[in-house]
Each structure stands twice: as C-alpha cells, then as structure tokens.
Amino acid sequence: MWDTACRGEALTLPQRVALRLAGVHAGHQAKEVSETAYHFAGGTAIFENQPFERRLRDVHAATQQVQSQFVNFEVAGQVLLGLPVTSKLI
C-alpha cells in the first residue's frame, strides 16, 4: 500500500479493505490495552480527575467511530468473497 501511495496511485479495493481491517483491529487492541491499564490502576482510576479515567473514555469513544465499528467486517467479507459491496464505508 505504501508503494502504491508513493507512486501517486489510488489504492485498490482489496488494499483499502486490508487497511480498514488493520485499523479496526488496531483500535480494538488499543481499547483492550487501555482497559487492562485502567484495571491495574486500581480504585483511584475511576475518578474524573485521574488520567486513566479520561483515557479510557477517549479510547472507547474512538472505537465507536465508523472506522472502528464491526460493520467494517461485513463490508470486508463482501469484498473478499467477491460479493457486491452494499456500503460506502470502504
């Protein structure tokens, strides 16, 4: 994908799907890491004046955005199975 972009070419549909799947995975992995750190921080992490509380809310907000929603798996599956794509997400 990097080489394609460096040549100034548009990414192919399979490349865009792979990129979207990687982004969804990365976002949800980051959420899991944040949740683990939050739990290890103990009881003080629940208070609004603590950095863990804010970061946990932020990462959960990010995974609610369209680029991290699981609907992306449906669209990726359509592309990978050669079916018509029913969404403009990718």
Protein backbone atom coordinates (compact mmCIF):
# COMPACT_ATOMS: atom_id res chain seq x y z
CA MET A 1 0.00 0.00 0.00
CA TRP A 2 2.85 2.35 0.80
CA ASP A 3 4.43 1.79 -2.61
CA THR A 4 1.09 2.33 -4.31
CA ALA A 5 0.56 5.61 -2.45
CA CYS A 6 4.14 6.76 -3.14
CA ARG A 7 3.54 6.22 -6.86
CA GLY A 8 0.53 8.52 -6.55
CA GLU A 9 -1.85 5.72 -7.47
CA ALA A 10 -5.20 5.06 -5.84
CA LEU A 11 -5.38 2.06 -3.54
CA THR A 12 -7.20 -0.91 -4.95
CA LEU A 13 -10.37 -2.13 -3.27
CA PRO A 14 -8.58 -5.13 -1.69
CA GLN A 15 -5.87 -2.78 -0.39
CA ARG A 16 -8.47 -0.45 1.11
CA VAL A 17 -10.20 -3.43 2.74
CA ALA A 18 -6.91 -4.65 4.23
CA LEU A 19 -6.17 -1.16 5.54
CA ARG A 20 -9.63 -0.84 7.09
CA LEU A 21 -9.37 -4.27 8.74
CA ALA A 22 -5.96 -3.35 10.16
CA GLY A 23 -7.40 -0.09 11.53
CA VAL A 24 -10.36 -1.83 13.17
CA HIS A 25 -8.04 -4.39 14.74
CA ALA A 26 -5.58 -1.75 15.97
CA GLY A 27 -8.36 0.35 17.50
CA HIS A 28 -9.83 -2.56 19.42
CA GLN A 29 -6.40 -3.77 20.57
CA ALA A 30 -5.70 -0.27 21.90
CA LYS A 31 -9.02 -0.36 23.76
CA GLU A 32 -8.08 -3.67 25.37
CA VAL A 33 -4.66 -2.36 26.41
CA SER A 34 -6.30 0.75 27.90
CA GLU A 35 -8.83 -1.36 29.80
CA THR A 36 -6.04 -3.52 31.23
CA ALA A 37 -4.09 -0.46 32.38
CA TYR A 38 -7.27 1.01 33.87
CA HIS A 39 -7.92 -2.15 35.90
CA PHE A 40 -4.31 -2.31 37.10
CA ALA A 41 -4.51 1.34 38.19
CA GLY A 42 -6.91 0.35 40.96
CA GLY A 43 -9.83 2.15 42.53
CA THR A 44 -8.48 5.66 42.10
CA ALA A 45 -8.70 5.30 38.31
CA ILE A 46 -12.49 5.77 38.43
CA PHE A 47 -12.32 9.43 39.43
CA GLU A 48 -12.67 12.11 36.75
CA ASN A 49 -9.51 13.90 37.85
CA GLN A 50 -7.38 10.81 37.13
CA PRO A 51 -5.67 10.42 33.75
CA PHE A 52 -6.73 6.78 33.36
CA GLU A 53 -10.42 7.67 33.54
CA ARG A 54 -10.16 10.19 30.71
CA ARG A 55 -8.02 7.96 28.52
CA LEU A 56 -10.42 5.07 28.95
CA ARG A 57 -13.32 7.26 27.85
CA ASP A 58 -11.29 8.57 24.89
CA VAL A 59 -10.35 5.13 23.59
CA HIS A 60 -13.94 3.92 23.96
CA ALA A 61 -15.13 6.99 22.03
CA ALA A 62 -12.63 6.24 19.27
CA THR A 63 -13.85 2.67 18.86
CA GLN A 64 -17.42 3.95 18.46
CA GLN A 65 -16.43 5.90 15.35
CA VAL A 66 -17.18 4.38 11.95
CA GLN A 67 -13.56 3.47 11.23
CA SER A 68 -13.52 1.06 14.19
CA GLN A 69 -17.03 -0.37 14.09
CA PHE A 70 -17.54 -4.05 13.42
CA VAL A 71 -19.73 -3.26 10.38
CA ASN A 72 -16.41 -2.98 8.56
CA PHE A 73 -16.06 -6.76 8.79
CA GLU A 74 -19.30 -7.17 6.82
CA VAL A 75 -18.06 -4.93 4.04
CA ALA A 76 -14.64 -6.60 4.03
CA GLY A 77 -16.29 -10.00 3.82
CA GLN A 78 -18.31 -8.88 0.82
CA VAL A 79 -15.14 -7.77 -0.96
CA LEU A 80 -13.13 -10.84 -0.01
CA LEU A 81 -15.93 -13.17 -1.13
CA GLY A 82 -16.40 -11.31 -4.41
CA LEU A 83 -19.90 -10.15 -3.49
CA PRO A 84 -21.34 -6.73 -4.36
CA VAL A 85 -20.40 -4.13 -1.75
CA THR A 86 -23.52 -2.72 -0.10
CA SER A 87 -21.83 0.10 1.79
CA LYS A 88 -19.71 3.13 1.00
CA LEU A 89 -17.58 2.66 4.13
CA ILE A 90 -14.58 1.38 2.18
